[in-house]
Amino acid sequence: MRRSLRWQLVGAGAVVLVGAGLITAGAHSGGEVRTPISGLTVVVSDAMAGPKADCSAIDYSDTFFAAASVQLRDEDGKVLATAPLRGAPRPSNLGCDWSVTFADVPGASSYGIELRGDTVPPRVHDYTVSRQELSDHDWRVRIGVIR
């Protein structure tokens, strides 16, 4: 099931910001050719933290974020990479952020992004974003989650 990825409340309190657009692909020998992405960044943000939040590691040690990971999949559901959220978040103008950058991402028309926390209770937030949406936002997607 594909979810629209404009600002919206999703599942157990997740918010995502991306744009809209068309799929970028070229024709070659009757099939699509997709250029690999050199770097795709997923920014995970505490949706409850404000711009002047402390963002200390101790504040997040027993939260969803402490055991969360980000998984990247292609349009066929093949897992391309998984990375944990590490350390203390960094302060930003939107609150407290963790960033995960996936390098040398194979080309695809769309990508699945799963944010999973194995805390009690376990939570999973799953999104689909098009290649064009990522391109329009400099290969970055922001996911805000309520702890």
C-alpha atoms as a PDB file:
ATOM      1  CA  MET A   1       0.000   0.000   0.000  1.00  0.00           C
ATOM      2  CA  ARG A   2       1.485   3.360  -1.087  1.00  0.00           C
ATOM      3  CA  ARG A   3       1.017   6.330   1.218  1.00  0.00           C
ATOM      4  CA  SER A   4       1.039   9.948   0.122  1.00  0.00           C
ATOM      5  CA  LEU A   5       4.095  11.606   1.613  1.00  0.00           C
ATOM      6  CA  ARG A   6       3.117  15.208   2.092  1.00  0.00           C
ATOM      7  CA  TRP A   7       2.887  16.580   5.665  1.00  0.00           C
ATOM      8  CA  GLN A   8       0.464  14.231   7.309  1.00  0.00           C
ATOM      9  CA  LEU A   9      -0.119  12.273  10.447  1.00  0.00           C
ATOM     10  CA  VAL A  10       0.735   8.633   9.798  1.00  0.00           C
ATOM     11  CA  GLY A  11       0.318   5.505  11.921  1.00  0.00           C
ATOM     12  CA  ALA A  12       1.552   5.939  15.476  1.00  0.00           C
ATOM     13  CA  GLY A  13       2.499   9.579  15.109  1.00  0.00           C
ATOM     14  CA  ALA A  14       4.897   9.854  12.186  1.00  0.00           C
ATOM     15  CA  VAL A  15       5.095  12.826   9.851  1.00  0.00           C
ATOM     16  CA  VAL A  16       6.932  12.951   6.528  1.00  0.00           C
ATOM     17  CA  LEU A  17       7.862  15.807   4.224  1.00  0.00           C
ATOM     18  CA  VAL A  18       8.646  15.218   0.566  1.00  0.00           C
ATOM     19  CA  GLY A  19       7.471  16.755  -2.671  1.00  0.00           C
ATOM     20  CA  ALA A  20       5.670  15.396  -5.709  1.00  0.00           C
ATOM     21  CA  GLY A  21       6.784  14.813  -9.252  1.00  0.00           C
ATOM     22  CA  LEU A  22       7.350  12.440 -12.133  1.00  0.00           C
ATOM     23  CA  ILE A  23       9.573   9.395 -12.307  1.00  0.00           C
ATOM     24  CA  THR A  24      12.929  10.092 -13.959  1.00  0.00           C
ATOM     25  CA  ALA A  25      14.055   7.343 -16.308  1.00  0.00           C
ATOM     26  CA  GLY A  26      15.484   6.970 -19.778  1.00  0.00           C
ATOM     27  CA  ALA A  27      14.925   4.365 -22.463  1.00  0.00           C
ATOM     28  CA  HIS A  28      17.672   1.936 -23.407  1.00  0.00           C
ATOM     29  CA  SER A  29      17.203  -1.326 -25.278  1.00  0.00           C
ATOM     30  CA  GLY A  30      13.470  -1.284 -24.589  1.00  0.00           C
ATOM     31  CA  GLY A  31      13.819  -0.995 -20.789  1.00  0.00           C
ATOM     32  CA  GLU A  32      14.259   1.706 -18.189  1.00  0.00           C
ATOM     33  CA  VAL A  33      17.722   2.815 -17.151  1.00  0.00           C
ATOM     34  CA  ARG A  34      18.037   4.350 -13.719  1.00  0.00           C
ATOM     35  CA  THR A  35      21.204   6.021 -12.579  1.00  0.00           C
ATOM     36  CA  PRO A  36      22.432   4.999  -9.116  1.00  0.00           C
ATOM     37  CA  ILE A  37      22.144   7.623  -6.380  1.00  0.00           C
ATOM     38  CA  SER A  38      25.489   8.604  -4.854  1.00  0.00           C
ATOM     39  CA  GLY A  39      23.924   9.492  -1.494  1.00  0.00           C
ATOM     40  CA  LEU A  40      20.392   9.338  -0.089  1.00  0.00           C
ATOM     41  CA  THR A  41      19.872  10.863   3.373  1.00  0.00           C
ATOM     42  CA  VAL A  42      17.033  10.033   5.732  1.00  0.00           C
ATOM     43  CA  VAL A  43      16.612  12.557   8.555  1.00  0.00           C
ATOM     44  CA  VAL A  44      14.643  11.222  11.515  1.00  0.00           C
ATOM     45  CA  SER A  45      13.297  13.886  13.823  1.00  0.00           C
ATOM     46  CA  ASP A  46      11.634  13.900  17.241  1.00  0.00           C
ATOM     47  CA  ALA A  47       8.333  15.512  16.299  1.00  0.00           C
ATOM     48  CA  MET A  48       7.780  16.584  19.922  1.00  0.00           C
ATOM     49  CA  ALA A  49      11.046  18.544  20.230  1.00  0.00           C
ATOM     50  CA  GLY A  50      11.081  22.212  19.360  1.00  0.00           C
ATOM     51  CA  PRO A  51      13.822  24.364  17.864  1.00  0.00           C
ATOM     52  CA  LYS A  52      15.362  25.090  21.279  1.00  0.00           C
ATOM     53  CA  ALA A  53      15.340  21.470  22.540  1.00  0.00           C
ATOM     54  CA  ASP A  54      18.340  20.152  24.493  1.00  0.00           C
ATOM     55  CA  CYS A  55      18.780  16.985  22.326  1.00  0.00           C
ATOM     56  CA  SER A  56      21.018  15.264  24.891  1.00  0.00           C
ATOM     57  CA  ALA A  57      21.651  11.521  24.561  1.00  0.00           C
ATOM     58  CA  ILE A  58      20.335  10.863  28.079  1.00  0.00           C
ATOM     59  CA  ASP A  59      16.934  12.332  27.125  1.00  0.00           C
ATOM     60  CA  TYR A  60      16.594   9.686  24.404  1.00  0.00           C
ATOM     61  CA  SER A  61      18.169   6.643  26.084  1.00  0.00           C
ATOM     62  CA  ASP A  62      14.823   4.949  26.875  1.00  0.00           C
ATOM     63  CA  THR A  63      12.812   6.081  23.854  1.00  0.00           C
ATOM     64  CA  PHE A  64      11.821   4.713  20.465  1.00  0.00           C
ATOM     65  CA  PHE A  65      14.891   6.395  18.957  1.00  0.00           C
ATOM     66  CA  ALA A  66      17.423   4.509  21.129  1.00  0.00           C
ATOM     67  CA  ALA A  67      16.831   1.212  19.300  1.00  0.00           C
ATOM     68  CA  ALA A  68      15.532   2.478  15.956  1.00  0.00           C
ATOM     69  CA  SER A  69      16.892   1.601  12.536  1.00  0.00           C
ATOM     70  CA  VAL A  70      16.219   2.768   8.978  1.00  0.00           C
ATOM     71  CA  GLN A  71      15.846   0.258   6.160  1.00  0.00           C
ATOM     72  CA  LEU A  72      15.955   1.205   2.477  1.00  0.00           C
ATOM     73  CA  ARG A  73      14.237  -0.982  -0.164  1.00  0.00           C
ATOM     74  CA  ASP A  74      13.844  -0.762  -3.935  1.00  0.00           C
ATOM     75  CA  GLU A  75      10.464  -0.756  -5.714  1.00  0.00           C
ATOM     76  CA  ASP A  76      10.407  -4.581  -5.664  1.00  0.00           C
ATOM     77  CA  GLY A  77      10.892  -4.693  -1.886  1.00  0.00           C
ATOM     78  CA  LYS A  78      14.518  -5.846  -2.062  1.00  0.00           C
ATOM     79  CA  VAL A  79      16.442  -4.596   0.974  1.00  0.00           C
ATOM     80  CA  LEU A  80      19.239  -2.320  -0.218  1.00  0.00           C
ATOM     81  CA  ALA A  81      20.632  -1.264   3.169  1.00  0.00           C
ATOM     82  CA  THR A  82      19.848  -0.937   6.864  1.00  0.00           C
ATOM     83  CA  ALA A  83      21.418   1.484   9.349  1.00  0.00           C
ATOM     84  CA  PRO A  84      20.763   2.214  13.028  1.00  0.00           C
ATOM     85  CA  LEU A  85      20.168   5.657  14.486  1.00  0.00           C
ATOM     86  CA  ARG A  86      23.341   6.342  16.460  1.00  0.00           C
ATOM     87  CA  GLY A  87      24.239   8.540  19.376  1.00  0.00           C
ATOM     88  CA  ALA A  88      22.622  11.756  20.450  1.00  0.00           C
ATOM     89  CA  PRO A  89      20.483  13.687  17.992  1.00  0.00           C
ATOM     90  CA  ARG A  90      21.737  17.014  16.737  1.00  0.00           C
ATOM     91  CA  PRO A  91      19.746  20.195  17.294  1.00  0.00           C
ATOM     92  CA  SER A  92      18.104  21.681  14.205  1.00  0.00           C
ATOM     93  CA  ASN A  93      15.603  24.418  13.449  1.00  0.00           C
ATOM     94  CA  LEU A  94      12.893  21.711  13.635  1.00  0.00           C
ATOM     95  CA  GLY A  95      14.040  20.023  16.862  1.00  0.00           C
ATOM     96  CA  CYS A  96      16.307  17.018  17.434  1.00  0.00           C
ATOM     97  CA  ASP A  97      17.506  15.077  14.368  1.00  0.00           C
ATOM     98  CA  TRP A  98      19.408  11.916  13.524  1.00  0.00           C
ATOM     99  CA  SER A  99      20.697  11.467   9.967  1.00  0.00           C
ATOM    100  CA  VAL A 100      21.414   8.266   8.099  1.00  0.00           C
ATOM    101  CA  THR A 101      23.046   8.493   4.672  1.00  0.00           C
ATOM    102  CA  PHE A 102      23.026   5.551   2.290  1.00  0.00           C
ATOM    103  CA  ALA A 103      25.834   5.698  -0.297  1.00  0.00           C
ATOM    104  CA  ASP A 104      25.823   4.217  -3.802  1.00  0.00           C
ATOM    105  CA  VAL A 105      22.104   3.410  -3.850  1.00  0.00           C
ATOM    106  CA  PRO A 106      21.058   1.362  -6.906  1.00  0.00           C
ATOM    107  CA  GLY A 107      18.682   3.162  -9.265  1.00  0.00           C
ATOM    108  CA  ALA A 108      14.949   2.523  -8.815  1.00  0.00           C
ATOM    109  CA  SER A 109      11.702   4.260  -9.709  1.00  0.00           C
ATOM    110  CA  SER A 110      10.698   4.378  -6.042  1.00  0.00           C
ATOM    111  CA  TYR A 111      12.086   3.438  -2.659  1.00  0.00           C
ATOM    112  CA  GLY A 112      10.602   2.016   0.499  1.00  0.00           C
ATOM    113  CA  ILE A 113      11.831   3.515   3.746  1.00  0.00           C
ATOM    114  CA  GLU A 114      11.091   1.666   6.959  1.00  0.00           C
ATOM    115  CA  LEU A 115      11.733   3.165  10.375  1.00  0.00           C
ATOM    116  CA  ARG A 116      11.633   0.420  12.998  1.00  0.00           C
ATOM    117  CA  GLY A 117      11.997   0.607  16.750  1.00  0.00           C
ATOM    118  CA  ASP A 118      12.238  -2.592  18.760  1.00  0.00           C
ATOM    119  CA  THR A 119      11.270  -0.907  22.010  1.00  0.00           C
ATOM    120  CA  VAL A 120       8.191  -1.844  24.031  1.00  0.00           C
ATOM    121  CA  PRO A 121       5.856  -1.744  22.278  1.00  0.00           C
ATOM    122  CA  PRO A 122       7.667  -2.261  18.966  1.00  0.00           C
ATOM    123  CA  ARG A 123       6.792   0.245  16.229  1.00  0.00           C
ATOM    124  CA  VAL A 124       7.217   0.297  12.478  1.00  0.00           C
ATOM    125  CA  HIS A 125       6.670   3.267  10.168  1.00  0.00           C
ATOM    126  CA  ASP A 126       6.786   2.408   6.456  1.00  0.00           C
ATOM    127  CA  TYR A 127       6.842   4.883   3.556  1.00  0.00           C
ATOM    128  CA  THR A 128       7.186   4.856  -0.219  1.00  0.00           C
ATOM    129  CA  VAL A 129       8.822   7.764  -1.998  1.00  0.00           C
ATOM    130  CA  SER A 130       9.434   8.210  -5.719  1.00  0.00           C
ATOM    131  CA  ARG A 131      12.818   8.852  -7.246  1.00  0.00           C
ATOM    132  CA  GLN A 132      11.547  12.210  -8.506  1.00  0.00           C
ATOM    133  CA  GLU A 133      10.349  13.235  -5.033  1.00  0.00           C
ATOM    134  CA  LEU A 134      13.819  12.466  -3.675  1.00  0.00           C
ATOM    135  CA  SER A 135      15.511  14.307  -6.535  1.00  0.00           C
ATOM    136  CA  ASP A 136      13.302  17.354  -5.965  1.00  0.00           C
ATOM    137  CA  HIS A 137      14.506  17.469  -2.341  1.00  0.00           C
ATOM    138  CA  ASP A 138      18.229  16.961  -2.953  1.00  0.00           C
ATOM    139  CA  TRP A 139      18.052  13.235  -2.171  1.00  0.00           C
ATOM    140  CA  ARG A 140      16.836  13.866   1.384  1.00  0.00           C
ATOM    141  CA  VAL A 141      13.668  12.812   3.164  1.00  0.00           C
ATOM    142  CA  ARG A 142      12.634  13.924   6.635  1.00  0.00           C
ATOM    143  CA  ILE A 143      10.559  11.689   8.904  1.00  0.00           C
ATOM    144  CA  GLY A 144       9.168  13.137  12.124  1.00  0.00           C
ATOM    145  CA  VAL A 145       8.168  10.636  14.791  1.00  0.00           C
ATOM    146  CA  ILE A 146       6.466  11.211  18.132  1.00  0.00           C
ATOM    147  CA  ARG A 147       8.450   9.460  20.816  1.00  0.00           C
END
